[in-house]
Amino acid sequence: MTRDPGLQPERTALAWQRTGVATLLVGGGAAAAAVRRGAPLVVVAALAALALAAATAVPPRHPPAHPLAAPYVRLLRAAVATAALAAVGVLLALT
């Protein structure tokens, strides 16, 4: 039985997309909650986190110059977006 080398990268790309979409949904909810509470600073922070999540959800258009670096860049973006959303959650809890 031979394995198709194209399947694993496709599964990885789909997993990054799912992570980005989930982060977008949570960030959208946080931004909506901040708008309802009248906290403009938290809205700005939530929108920044949404921008980072969108960068994670959208797959790159061009292959990277160094193929081994691409997953780590997306991992870093996802980690920063998650940390930013956690900070937005803390700000929402404090307002």
N, C-alpha and C. Protein backbone atom coordinates (compact mmCIF):
# COMPACT_ATOMS: atom_id res chain seq x y z
N MET A 1 0.83 -1.17 0.00
CA MET A 1 0.00 0.00 0.00
C MET A 1 0.89 1.24 0.00
N THR A 2 0.65 2.14 -0.93
CA THR A 2 1.44 3.37 -1.00
C THR A 2 0.63 4.53 -0.42
N ARG A 3 1.34 5.41 0.20
CA ARG A 3 0.69 6.59 0.80
C ARG A 3 0.80 7.76 -0.15
N ASP A 4 -0.22 8.58 -0.16
CA ASP A 4 -0.22 9.80 -0.96
C ASP A 4 0.42 10.90 -0.13
N PRO A 5 1.58 11.42 -0.55
CA PRO A 5 2.24 12.45 0.26
C PRO A 5 1.47 13.76 0.31
N GLY A 6 0.45 13.92 -0.52
CA GLY A 6 -0.30 15.16 -0.53
C GLY A 6 -1.39 15.24 0.51
N LEU A 7 -1.72 14.13 1.15
CA LEU A 7 -2.83 14.14 2.10
C LEU A 7 -2.48 14.81 3.43
N GLN A 8 -1.30 14.55 3.96
CA GLN A 8 -0.95 15.11 5.26
C GLN A 8 -0.88 16.63 5.22
N PRO A 9 -0.25 17.25 4.22
CA PRO A 9 -0.26 18.72 4.19
C PRO A 9 -1.66 19.29 4.03
N GLU A 10 -2.51 18.59 3.29
CA GLU A 10 -3.88 19.07 3.13
C GLU A 10 -4.64 19.01 4.46
N ARG A 11 -4.45 17.93 5.21
CA ARG A 11 -5.10 17.84 6.53
C ARG A 11 -4.58 18.92 7.46
N THR A 12 -3.29 19.19 7.41
CA THR A 12 -2.71 20.25 8.25
C THR A 12 -3.28 21.61 7.88
N ALA A 13 -3.39 21.88 6.59
CA ALA A 13 -3.95 23.16 6.14
C ALA A 13 -5.40 23.30 6.58
N LEU A 14 -6.16 22.23 6.49
CA LEU A 14 -7.56 22.27 6.93
C LEU A 14 -7.66 22.48 8.44
N ALA A 15 -6.75 21.88 9.18
CA ALA A 15 -6.75 22.07 10.64
C ALA A 15 -6.46 23.53 10.99
N TRP A 16 -5.52 24.16 10.27
CA TRP A 16 -5.24 25.57 10.52
C TRP A 16 -6.45 26.42 10.19
N GLN A 17 -7.14 26.08 9.11
CA GLN A 17 -8.34 26.83 8.74
C GLN A 17 -9.41 26.69 9.82
N ARG A 18 -9.61 25.49 10.33
CA ARG A 18 -10.61 25.29 11.40
C ARG A 18 -10.24 26.10 12.63
N THR A 19 -8.97 26.09 12.99
CA THR A 19 -8.52 26.86 14.15
C THR A 19 -8.77 28.36 13.93
N GLY A 20 -8.46 28.83 12.76
CA GLY A 20 -8.67 30.24 12.46
C GLY A 20 -10.14 30.62 12.47
N VAL A 21 -10.98 29.77 11.91
CA VAL A 21 -12.42 30.06 11.89
C VAL A 21 -12.99 30.05 13.30
N ALA A 22 -12.58 29.10 14.12
CA ALA A 22 -13.06 29.06 15.51
C ALA A 22 -12.62 30.31 16.26
N THR A 23 -11.39 30.75 16.03
CA THR A 23 -10.90 31.95 16.68
C THR A 23 -11.67 33.17 16.19
N LEU A 24 -12.01 33.19 14.89
CA LEU A 24 -12.82 34.29 14.36
C LEU A 24 -14.18 34.35 15.03
N LEU A 25 -14.79 33.20 15.23
CA LEU A 25 -16.11 33.17 15.87
C LEU A 25 -16.04 33.66 17.31
N VAL A 26 -15.06 33.20 18.05
CA VAL A 26 -14.91 33.64 19.44
C VAL A 26 -14.58 35.13 19.49
N GLY A 27 -13.70 35.59 18.60
CA GLY A 27 -13.35 37.00 18.56
C GLY A 27 -14.53 37.88 18.17
N GLY A 28 -15.35 37.40 17.24
CA GLY A 28 -16.55 38.15 16.88
C GLY A 28 -17.51 38.27 18.04
N GLY A 29 -17.66 37.20 18.80
CA GLY A 29 -18.51 37.25 19.99
C GLY A 29 -17.96 38.20 21.04
N ALA A 30 -16.64 38.20 21.20
CA ALA A 30 -16.02 39.11 22.16
C ALA A 30 -16.18 40.56 21.72
N ALA A 31 -16.02 40.82 20.43
CA ALA A 31 -16.20 42.18 19.92
C ALA A 31 -17.65 42.64 20.10
N ALA A 32 -18.59 41.74 19.83
CA ALA A 32 -20.01 42.10 20.01
C ALA A 32 -20.32 42.39 21.48
N ALA A 33 -19.75 41.59 22.38
CA ALA A 33 -19.97 41.82 23.80
C ALA A 33 -19.35 43.15 24.23
N ALA A 34 -18.19 43.48 23.69
CA ALA A 34 -17.55 44.75 24.04
C ALA A 34 -18.37 45.93 23.52
N VAL A 35 -18.95 45.79 22.33
CA VAL A 35 -19.79 46.87 21.80
C VAL A 35 -21.01 47.06 22.69
N ARG A 36 -21.63 45.95 23.10
CA ARG A 36 -22.82 46.05 23.97
C ARG A 36 -22.49 46.67 25.31
N ARG A 37 -21.28 46.44 25.80
CA ARG A 37 -20.89 47.01 27.10
C ARG A 37 -20.36 48.44 26.97
N GLY A 38 -20.18 48.91 25.75
CA GLY A 38 -19.69 50.27 25.55
C GLY A 38 -18.24 50.44 25.94
N ALA A 39 -17.41 49.48 25.58
CA ALA A 39 -15.98 49.53 25.91
C ALA A 39 -15.17 49.65 24.62
N PRO A 40 -14.91 50.88 24.16
CA PRO A 40 -14.24 51.04 22.85
C PRO A 40 -12.82 50.48 22.82
N LEU A 41 -12.10 50.55 23.93
CA LEU A 41 -10.73 50.02 23.95
C LEU A 41 -10.75 48.50 23.77
N VAL A 42 -11.72 47.85 24.38
CA VAL A 42 -11.84 46.40 24.25
C VAL A 42 -12.27 46.03 22.83
N VAL A 43 -13.11 46.87 22.21
CA VAL A 43 -13.52 46.62 20.83
C VAL A 43 -12.30 46.65 19.92
N VAL A 44 -11.43 47.63 20.11
CA VAL A 44 -10.21 47.74 19.29
C VAL A 44 -9.33 46.51 19.51
N ALA A 45 -9.17 46.08 20.75
CA ALA A 45 -8.36 44.90 21.03
C ALA A 45 -8.98 43.66 20.39
N ALA A 46 -10.30 43.54 20.44
CA ALA A 46 -10.97 42.39 19.84
C ALA A 46 -10.81 42.41 18.32
N LEU A 47 -10.88 43.58 17.71
CA LEU A 47 -10.71 43.67 16.26
C LEU A 47 -9.27 43.33 15.85
N ALA A 48 -8.30 43.71 16.67
CA ALA A 48 -6.91 43.34 16.38
C ALA A 48 -6.74 41.82 16.47
N ALA A 49 -7.36 41.21 17.47
CA ALA A 49 -7.30 39.75 17.59
C ALA A 49 -7.99 39.08 16.41
N LEU A 50 -9.09 39.67 15.95
CA LEU A 50 -9.78 39.14 14.78
C LEU A 50 -8.90 39.21 13.54
N ALA A 51 -8.14 40.28 13.39
CA ALA A 51 -7.25 40.40 12.23
C ALA A 51 -6.18 39.31 12.26
N LEU A 52 -5.65 39.05 13.45
CA LEU A 52 -4.66 37.97 13.57
C LEU A 52 -5.28 36.60 13.28
N ALA A 53 -6.50 36.41 13.75
CA ALA A 53 -7.18 35.14 13.50
C ALA A 53 -7.47 34.97 12.02
N ALA A 54 -7.81 36.06 11.34
CA ALA A 54 -8.07 35.98 9.91
C ALA A 54 -6.80 35.61 9.15
N ALA A 55 -5.66 36.11 9.61
CA ALA A 55 -4.39 35.75 8.98
C ALA A 55 -4.09 34.27 9.16
N THR A 56 -4.59 33.69 10.24
CA THR A 56 -4.40 32.26 10.46
C THR A 56 -5.38 31.44 9.64
N ALA A 57 -6.60 31.93 9.50
CA ALA A 57 -7.64 31.17 8.82
C ALA A 57 -7.44 31.13 7.31
N VAL A 58 -6.89 32.20 6.75
CA VAL A 58 -6.72 32.26 5.30
C VAL A 58 -5.40 31.58 4.93
N PRO A 59 -5.46 30.58 4.07
CA PRO A 59 -4.22 29.90 3.69
C PRO A 59 -3.35 30.82 2.84
N PRO A 60 -2.03 30.64 2.88
CA PRO A 60 -1.14 31.49 2.10
C PRO A 60 -1.37 31.29 0.60
N ARG A 61 -1.24 32.36 -0.16
CA ARG A 61 -1.46 32.28 -1.62
C ARG A 61 -0.26 31.69 -2.34
N HIS A 62 0.92 32.02 -1.86
CA HIS A 62 2.14 31.56 -2.51
C HIS A 62 2.89 30.63 -1.57
N PRO A 63 3.52 29.62 -2.12
CA PRO A 63 4.33 28.76 -1.24
C PRO A 63 5.46 29.56 -0.62
N PRO A 64 5.77 29.28 0.63
CA PRO A 64 6.84 30.04 1.31
C PRO A 64 8.21 29.75 0.70
N ALA A 65 9.12 30.68 0.91
CA ALA A 65 10.48 30.50 0.41
C ALA A 65 11.14 29.30 1.09
N HIS A 66 10.87 29.14 2.35
CA HIS A 66 11.41 28.00 3.10
C HIS A 66 10.22 27.18 3.58
N PRO A 67 9.93 26.02 2.95
CA PRO A 67 8.70 25.28 3.27
C PRO A 67 8.59 24.82 4.71
N LEU A 68 9.69 24.64 5.40
CA LEU A 68 9.62 24.18 6.79
C LEU A 68 9.21 25.29 7.74
N ALA A 69 9.35 26.54 7.33
CA ALA A 69 9.03 27.67 8.20
C ALA A 69 7.54 27.99 8.20
N ALA A 70 6.83 27.63 7.15
CA ALA A 70 5.42 28.01 7.00
C ALA A 70 4.53 27.56 8.16
N PRO A 71 4.60 26.30 8.59
CA PRO A 71 3.72 25.90 9.70
C PRO A 71 4.02 26.66 10.99
N TYR A 72 5.28 27.02 11.20
CA TYR A 72 5.63 27.70 12.43
C TYR A 72 5.13 29.15 12.43
N VAL A 73 5.10 29.76 11.26
CA VAL A 73 4.58 31.13 11.16
C VAL A 73 3.09 31.11 11.49
N ARG A 74 2.36 30.16 10.93
CA ARG A 74 0.92 30.06 11.22
C ARG A 74 0.68 29.69 12.68
N LEU A 75 1.54 28.84 13.23
CA LEU A 75 1.42 28.48 14.64
C LEU A 75 1.63 29.71 15.52
N LEU A 76 2.61 30.52 15.19
CA LEU A 76 2.87 31.74 15.95
C LEU A 76 1.69 32.70 15.86
N ARG A 77 1.13 32.85 14.64
CA ARG A 77 -0.04 33.71 14.49
C ARG A 77 -1.21 33.21 15.31
N ALA A 78 -1.45 31.91 15.28
CA ALA A 78 -2.56 31.34 16.04
C ALA A 78 -2.34 31.53 17.54
N ALA A 79 -1.11 31.36 18.01
CA ALA A 79 -0.81 31.54 19.43
C ALA A 79 -1.01 32.99 19.85
N VAL A 80 -0.56 33.93 19.02
CA VAL A 80 -0.72 35.34 19.34
C VAL A 80 -2.20 35.72 19.32
N ALA A 81 -2.96 35.21 18.34
CA ALA A 81 -4.39 35.51 18.28
C ALA A 81 -5.11 34.95 19.49
N THR A 82 -4.74 33.76 19.91
CA THR A 82 -5.36 33.15 21.09
C THR A 82 -5.04 33.95 22.35
N ALA A 83 -3.78 34.36 22.50
CA ALA A 83 -3.40 35.17 23.66
C ALA A 83 -4.11 36.52 23.63
N ALA A 84 -4.25 37.10 22.45
CA ALA A 84 -4.95 38.39 22.35
C ALA A 84 -6.42 38.23 22.73
N LEU A 85 -7.03 37.13 22.29
CA LEU A 85 -8.43 36.90 22.67
C LEU A 85 -8.57 36.63 24.16
N ALA A 86 -7.58 35.97 24.75
CA ALA A 86 -7.62 35.77 26.21
C ALA A 86 -7.53 37.11 26.92
N ALA A 87 -6.69 38.01 26.41
CA ALA A 87 -6.59 39.35 27.00
C ALA A 87 -7.91 40.11 26.85
N VAL A 88 -8.56 39.95 25.70
CA VAL A 88 -9.86 40.59 25.49
C VAL A 88 -10.87 40.03 26.49
N GLY A 89 -10.83 38.72 26.74
CA GLY A 89 -11.72 38.12 27.73
C GLY A 89 -11.50 38.69 29.12
N VAL A 90 -10.23 38.88 29.47
CA VAL A 90 -9.92 39.47 30.78
C VAL A 90 -10.43 40.91 30.84
N LEU A 91 -10.21 41.66 29.76
CA LEU A 91 -10.71 43.04 29.74
C LEU A 91 -12.24 43.08 29.83
N LEU A 92 -12.90 42.15 29.17
CA LEU A 92 -14.36 42.10 29.27
C LEU A 92 -14.82 41.76 30.68
N ALA A 93 -14.07 40.89 31.33
CA ALA A 93 -14.44 40.53 32.71
C ALA A 93 -14.25 41.70 33.67
N LEU A 94 -13.29 42.55 33.38
CA LEU A 94 -13.00 43.67 34.26
C LEU A 94 -13.88 44.89 33.99
N THR A 95 -14.53 44.94 32.83
CA THR A 95 -15.37 46.11 32.53
C THR A 95 -16.81 45.86 32.89
